[in-house]
Amino acid sequence: QALMDGHDSTLEVPDELLQAALKNGF
């Protein structure tokens, strides 16, 4: 759920990269 909300608590993937991936279908 946190990842689908666009945040990685491990900080390995910056929020902007994760959110961009989600917008592109990930």
PDB file of all heavy atoms in Angstrom:
ATOM      1  N   GLN A   1       0.825  -1.208   0.000  1.00  0.00           N
ATOM      2  CA  GLN A   1       0.000   0.000   0.000  1.00  0.00           C
ATOM      3  C   GLN A   1       0.859   1.258   0.000  1.00  0.00           C
ATOM      4  O   GLN A   1       0.576   2.219  -0.726  1.00  0.00           O
ATOM      5  CB  GLN A   1      -0.928   0.003   1.218  1.00  0.00           C
ATOM      6  CG  GLN A   1      -1.934   1.163   1.232  1.00  0.00           C
ATOM      7  CD  GLN A   1      -2.816   1.186   0.006  1.00  0.00           C
ATOM      8  OE1 GLN A   1      -3.500   0.209  -0.295  1.00  0.00           O
ATOM      9  NE2 GLN A   1      -2.798   2.293  -0.734  1.00  0.00           N
ATOM     10  N   ALA A   2       1.914   1.248   0.811  1.00  0.00           N
ATOM     11  CA  ALA A   2       2.811   2.412   0.860  1.00  0.00           C
ATOM     12  C   ALA A   2       3.462   2.652  -0.497  1.00  0.00           C
ATOM     13  O   ALA A   2       3.597   3.802  -0.943  1.00  0.00           O
ATOM     14  CB  ALA A   2       3.876   2.199   1.937  1.00  0.00           C
ATOM     15  N   LEU A   3       3.870   1.571  -1.164  1.00  0.00           N
ATOM     16  CA  LEU A   3       4.490   1.710  -2.484  1.00  0.00           C
ATOM     17  C   LEU A   3       3.490   2.229  -3.503  1.00  0.00           C
ATOM     18  O   LEU A   3       3.824   3.079  -4.343  1.00  0.00           O
ATOM     19  CB  LEU A   3       5.070   0.372  -2.943  1.00  0.00           C
ATOM     20  CG  LEU A   3       6.250  -0.166  -2.132  1.00  0.00           C
ATOM     21  CD1 LEU A   3       6.657  -1.549  -2.626  1.00  0.00           C
ATOM     22  CD2 LEU A   3       7.442   0.785  -2.196  1.00  0.00           C
ATOM     23  N   MET A   4       2.278   1.742  -3.447  1.00  0.00           N
ATOM     24  CA  MET A   4       1.253   2.218  -4.376  1.00  0.00           C
ATOM     25  C   MET A   4       0.880   3.673  -4.106  1.00  0.00           C
ATOM     26  O   MET A   4       0.387   4.379  -4.998  1.00  0.00           O
ATOM     27  CB  MET A   4       0.008   1.326  -4.302  1.00  0.00           C
ATOM     28  CG  MET A   4       0.216  -0.062  -4.895  1.00  0.00           C
ATOM     29  SD  MET A   4       0.695  -0.031  -6.645  1.00  0.00           S
ATOM     30  CE  MET A   4      -0.837   0.545  -7.406  1.00  0.00           C
ATOM     31  N   ASP A   5       1.136   4.116  -2.872  1.00  0.00           N
ATOM     32  CA  ASP A   5       0.929   5.527  -2.538  1.00  0.00           C
ATOM     33  C   ASP A   5       2.117   6.389  -2.955  1.00  0.00           C
ATOM     34  O   ASP A   5       2.103   7.608  -2.779  1.00  0.00           O
ATOM     35  CB  ASP A   5       0.682   5.686  -1.029  1.00  0.00           C
ATOM     36  CG  ASP A   5      -0.678   5.144  -0.607  1.00  0.00           C
ATOM     37  OD1 ASP A   5      -1.557   5.019  -1.476  1.00  0.00           O
ATOM     38  OD2 ASP A   5      -0.844   4.826   0.586  1.00  0.00           O
ATOM     39  N   GLY A   6       3.181   5.731  -3.446  1.00  0.00           N
ATOM     40  CA  GLY A   6       4.308   6.467  -3.995  1.00  0.00           C
ATOM     41  C   GLY A   6       5.468   6.722  -3.064  1.00  0.00           C
ATOM     42  O   GLY A   6       6.297   7.592  -3.331  1.00  0.00           O
ATOM     43  N   HIS A   7       5.570   5.945  -1.971  1.00  0.00           N
ATOM     44  CA  HIS A   7       6.692   6.152  -1.046  1.00  0.00           C
ATOM     45  C   HIS A   7       7.364   4.833  -0.692  1.00  0.00           C
ATOM     46  O   HIS A   7       6.701   3.845  -0.355  1.00  0.00           O
ATOM     47  CB  HIS A   7       6.223   6.836   0.235  1.00  0.00           C
ATOM     48  CG  HIS A   7       7.317   6.995   1.255  1.00  0.00           C
ATOM     49  ND1 HIS A   7       8.430   7.791   1.048  1.00  0.00           N
ATOM     50  CD2 HIS A   7       7.491   6.419   2.483  1.00  0.00           C
ATOM     51  CE1 HIS A   7       9.236   7.715   2.100  1.00  0.00           C
ATOM     52  NE2 HIS A   7       8.688   6.898   2.984  1.00  0.00           N
ATOM     53  N   ASP A   8       8.707   4.825  -0.774  1.00  0.00           N
ATOM     54  CA  ASP A   8       9.510   3.661  -0.401  1.00  0.00           C
ATOM     55  C   ASP A   8      10.200   3.950   0.920  1.00  0.00           C
ATOM     56  O   ASP A   8      11.110   4.773   0.983  1.00  0.00           O
ATOM     57  CB  ASP A   8      10.541   3.372  -1.498  1.00  0.00           C
ATOM     58  CG  ASP A   8      11.560   2.313  -1.082  1.00  0.00           C
ATOM     59  OD1 ASP A   8      11.220   1.480  -0.218  1.00  0.00           O
ATOM     60  OD2 ASP A   8      12.686   2.326  -1.630  1.00  0.00           O
ATOM     61  N   SER A   9       9.809   3.251   1.972  1.00  0.00           N
ATOM     62  CA  SER A   9      10.360   3.501   3.307  1.00  0.00           C
ATOM     63  C   SER A   9      11.825   3.107   3.421  1.00  0.00           C
ATOM     64  O   SER A   9      12.524   3.572   4.324  1.00  0.00           O
ATOM     65  CB  SER A   9       9.538   2.752   4.369  1.00  0.00           C
ATOM     66  OG  SER A   9       9.569   1.352   4.136  1.00  0.00           O
ATOM     67  N   THR A  10      12.316   2.258   2.518  1.00  0.00           N
ATOM     68  CA  THR A  10      13.739   1.895   2.546  1.00  0.00           C
ATOM     69  C   THR A  10      14.604   3.002   1.958  1.00  0.00           C
ATOM     70  O   THR A  10      15.836   2.977   2.109  1.00  0.00           O
ATOM     71  CB  THR A  10      14.017   0.600   1.756  1.00  0.00           C
ATOM     72  OG1 THR A  10      13.864   0.839   0.357  1.00  0.00           O
ATOM     73  CG2 THR A  10      13.085  -0.524   2.196  1.00  0.00           C
ATOM     74  N   LEU A  11      13.984   3.933   1.244  1.00  0.00           N
ATOM     75  CA  LEU A  11      14.659   5.069   0.600  1.00  0.00           C
ATOM     76  C   LEU A  11      15.580   4.649  -0.538  1.00  0.00           C
ATOM     77  O   LEU A  11      16.384   5.445  -1.020  1.00  0.00           O
ATOM     78  CB  LEU A  11      15.455   5.900   1.630  1.00  0.00           C
ATOM     79  CG  LEU A  11      14.660   6.392   2.855  1.00  0.00           C
ATOM     80  CD1 LEU A  11      15.565   7.219   3.764  1.00  0.00           C
ATOM     81  CD2 LEU A  11      13.439   7.198   2.429  1.00  0.00           C
ATOM     82  N   GLU A  12      15.463   3.392  -0.979  1.00  0.00           N
ATOM     83  CA  GLU A  12      16.292   2.933  -2.102  1.00  0.00           C
ATOM     84  C   GLU A  12      15.812   3.517  -3.424  1.00  0.00           C
ATOM     85  O   GLU A  12      16.610   3.795  -4.321  1.00  0.00           O
ATOM     86  CB  GLU A  12      16.291   1.402  -2.179  1.00  0.00           C
ATOM     87  CG  GLU A  12      17.084   0.726  -1.080  1.00  0.00           C
ATOM     88  CD  GLU A  12      18.538   1.149  -1.055  1.00  0.00           C
ATOM     89  OE1 GLU A  12      19.226   0.986  -2.072  1.00  0.00           O
ATOM     90  OE2 GLU A  12      18.987   1.663  -0.009  1.00  0.00           O
ATOM     91  N   VAL A  13      14.511   3.676  -3.565  1.00  0.00           N
ATOM     92  CA  VAL A  13      13.941   4.280  -4.772  1.00  0.00           C
ATOM     93  C   VAL A  13      13.337   5.629  -4.389  1.00  0.00           C
ATOM     94  O   VAL A  13      12.393   5.688  -3.601  1.00  0.00           O
ATOM     95  CB  VAL A  13      12.854   3.374  -5.395  1.00  0.00           C
ATOM     96  CG1 VAL A  13      12.215   4.060  -6.607  1.00  0.00           C
ATOM     97  CG2 VAL A  13      13.447   2.032  -5.798  1.00  0.00           C
ATOM     98  N   PRO A  14      13.881   6.727  -4.919  1.00  0.00           N
ATOM     99  CA  PRO A  14      13.329   8.049  -4.612  1.00  0.00           C
ATOM    100  C   PRO A  14      11.853   8.126  -4.994  1.00  0.00           C
ATOM    101  O   PRO A  14      11.411   7.495  -5.964  1.00  0.00           O
ATOM    102  CB  PRO A  14      14.173   8.990  -5.485  1.00  0.00           C
ATOM    103  CG  PRO A  14      15.443   8.242  -5.739  1.00  0.00           C
ATOM    104  CD  PRO A  14      15.050   6.793  -5.809  1.00  0.00           C
ATOM    105  N   ASP A  15      11.090   8.885  -4.219  1.00  0.00           N
ATOM    106  CA  ASP A  15       9.650   8.974  -4.450  1.00  0.00           C
ATOM    107  C   ASP A  15       9.310   9.403  -5.869  1.00  0.00           C
ATOM    108  O   ASP A  15       8.359   8.898  -6.475  1.00  0.00           O
ATOM    109  CB  ASP A  15       9.023   9.948  -3.444  1.00  0.00           C
ATOM    110  CG  ASP A  15       8.983   9.360  -2.034  1.00  0.00           C
ATOM    111  OD1 ASP A  15       9.333   8.177  -1.881  1.00  0.00           O
ATOM    112  OD2 ASP A  15       8.602  10.088  -1.096  1.00  0.00           O
ATOM    113  N   GLU A  16      10.100  10.342  -6.430  1.00  0.00           N
ATOM    114  CA  GLU A  16       9.780  10.821  -7.774  1.00  0.00           C
ATOM    115  C   GLU A  16       9.927   9.721  -8.826  1.00  0.00           C
ATOM    116  O   GLU A  16       9.127   9.632  -9.772  1.00  0.00           O
ATOM    117  CB  GLU A  16      10.637  12.035  -8.150  1.00  0.00           C
ATOM    118  CG  GLU A  16      12.140  11.813  -8.106  1.00  0.00           C
ATOM    119  CD  GLU A  16      12.764  12.136  -6.768  1.00  0.00           C
ATOM    120  OE1 GLU A  16      12.027  12.140  -5.745  1.00  0.00           O
ATOM    121  OE2 GLU A  16      13.991  12.391  -6.736  1.00  0.00           O
ATOM    122  N   LEU A  17      10.946   8.836  -8.651  1.00  0.00           N
ATOM    123  CA  LEU A  17      11.116   7.724  -9.583  1.00  0.00           C
ATOM    124  C   LEU A  17      10.000   6.696  -9.429  1.00  0.00           C
ATOM    125  O   LEU A  17       9.483   6.164 -10.415  1.00  0.00           O
ATOM    126  CB  LEU A  17      12.472   7.044  -9.369  1.00  0.00           C
ATOM    127  CG  LEU A  17      13.717   7.739  -9.919  1.00  0.00           C
ATOM    128  CD1 LEU A  17      14.957   6.894  -9.646  1.00  0.00           C
ATOM    129  CD2 LEU A  17      13.587   7.990 -11.411  1.00  0.00           C
ATOM    130  N   LEU A  18       9.644   6.405  -8.189  1.00  0.00           N
ATOM    131  CA  LEU A  18       8.569   5.441  -7.930  1.00  0.00           C
ATOM    132  C   LEU A  18       7.242   5.948  -8.478  1.00  0.00           C
ATOM    133  O   LEU A  18       6.501   5.207  -9.137  1.00  0.00           O
ATOM    134  CB  LEU A  18       8.463   5.167  -6.426  1.00  0.00           C
ATOM    135  CG  LEU A  18       7.345   4.221  -5.982  1.00  0.00           C
ATOM    136  CD1 LEU A  18       7.466   2.865  -6.675  1.00  0.00           C
ATOM    137  CD2 LEU A  18       7.359   4.051  -4.464  1.00  0.00           C
ATOM    138  N   GLN A  19       6.946   7.204  -8.215  1.00  0.00           N
ATOM    139  CA  GLN A  19       5.684   7.777  -8.692  1.00  0.00           C
ATOM    140  C   GLN A  19       5.623   7.832 -10.209  1.00  0.00           C
ATOM    141  O   GLN A  19       4.574   7.589 -10.811  1.00  0.00           O
ATOM    142  CB  GLN A  19       5.495   9.159  -8.076  1.00  0.00           C
ATOM    143  CG  GLN A  19       5.227   9.107  -6.569  1.00  0.00           C
ATOM    144  CD  GLN A  19       5.432  10.426  -5.865  1.00  0.00           C
ATOM    145  OE1 GLN A  19       5.525  11.484  -6.499  1.00  0.00           O
ATOM    146  NE2 GLN A  19       5.525  10.388  -4.540  1.00  0.00           N
ATOM    147  N   ALA A  20       6.757   8.117 -10.844  1.00  0.00           N
ATOM    148  CA  ALA A  20       6.808   8.120 -12.312  1.00  0.00           C
ATOM    149  C   ALA A  20       6.559   6.720 -12.856  1.00  0.00           C
ATOM    150  O   ALA A  20       5.854   6.543 -13.864  1.00  0.00           O
ATOM    151  CB  ALA A  20       8.162   8.643 -12.787  1.00  0.00           C
ATOM    152  N   ALA A  21       7.131   5.706 -12.181  1.00  0.00           N
ATOM    153  CA  ALA A  21       6.937   4.314 -12.608  1.00  0.00           C
ATOM    154  C   ALA A  21       5.470   3.912 -12.490  1.00  0.00           C
ATOM    155  O   ALA A  21       4.917   3.248 -13.378  1.00  0.00           O
ATOM    156  CB  ALA A  21       7.811   3.386 -11.777  1.00  0.00           C
ATOM    157  N   LEU A  22       4.833   4.314 -11.386  1.00  0.00           N
ATOM    158  CA  LEU A  22       3.413   3.999 -11.189  1.00  0.00           C
ATOM    159  C   LEU A  22       2.552   4.636 -12.266  1.00  0.00           C
ATOM    160  O   LEU A  22       1.594   4.023 -12.763  1.00  0.00           O
ATOM    161  CB  LEU A  22       2.964   4.461  -9.796  1.00  0.00           C
ATOM    162  CG  LEU A  22       3.577   3.705  -8.604  1.00  0.00           C
ATOM    163  CD1 LEU A  22       3.273   4.423  -7.300  1.00  0.00           C
ATOM    164  CD2 LEU A  22       3.073   2.269  -8.550  1.00  0.00           C
ATOM    165  N   LYS A  23       2.881   5.854 -12.645  1.00  0.00           N
ATOM    166  CA  LYS A  23       2.130   6.542 -13.704  1.00  0.00           C
ATOM    167  C   LYS A  23       2.301   5.843 -15.049  1.00  0.00           C
ATOM    168  O   LYS A  23       1.419   5.881 -15.901  1.00  0.00           O
ATOM    169  CB  LYS A  23       2.588   7.992 -13.809  1.00  0.00           C
ATOM    170  CG  LYS A  23       2.128   8.871 -12.657  1.00  0.00           C
ATOM    171  CD  LYS A  23       2.623  10.301 -12.812  1.00  0.00           C
ATOM    172  CE  LYS A  23       2.177  11.159 -11.632  1.00  0.00           C
ATOM    173  NZ  LYS A  23       2.702  12.557 -11.741  1.00  0.00           N
ATOM    174  N   ASN A  24       3.468   5.187 -15.227  1.00  0.00           N
ATOM    175  CA  ASN A  24       3.751   4.503 -16.490  1.00  0.00           C
ATOM    176  C   ASN A  24       3.271   3.060 -16.517  1.00  0.00           C
ATOM    177  O   ASN A  24       3.601   2.311 -17.444  1.00  0.00           O
ATOM    178  CB  ASN A  24       5.251   4.562 -16.785  1.00  0.00           C
ATOM    179  CG  ASN A  24       5.716   5.963 -17.127  1.00  0.00           C
ATOM    180  OD1 ASN A  24       4.948   6.772 -17.650  1.00  0.00           O
ATOM    181  ND2 ASN A  24       6.977   6.263 -16.830  1.00  0.00           N
ATOM    182  N   GLY A  25       2.545   2.641 -15.474  1.00  0.00           N
ATOM    183  CA  GLY A  25       1.942   1.316 -15.500  1.00  0.00           C
ATOM    184  C   GLY A  25       2.484   0.311 -14.512  1.00  0.00           C
ATOM    185  O   GLY A  25       1.922  -0.783 -14.354  1.00  0.00           O
ATOM    186  N   PHE A  26       3.591   0.622 -13.827  1.00  0.00           N
ATOM    187  CA  PHE A  26       4.113  -0.287 -12.802  1.00  0.00           C
ATOM    188  C   PHE A  26       3.126  -0.369 -11.650  1.00  0.00           C
ATOM    189  O   PHE A  26       2.542   0.646 -11.242  1.00  0.00           O
ATOM    190  CB  PHE A  26       5.461   0.225 -12.305  1.00  0.00           C
ATOM    191  CG  PHE A  26       6.017  -0.543 -11.122  1.00  0.00           C
ATOM    192  CD1 PHE A  26       6.275  -1.895 -11.207  1.00  0.00           C
ATOM    193  CD2 PHE A  26       6.281   0.112  -9.922  1.00  0.00           C
ATOM    194  CE1 PHE A  26       6.791  -2.601 -10.130  1.00  0.00           C
ATOM    195  CE2 PHE A  26       6.802  -0.578  -8.831  1.00  0.00           C
ATOM    196  CZ  PHE A  26       7.055  -1.942  -8.944  1.00  0.00           C
TER     197      PHE A  26
END
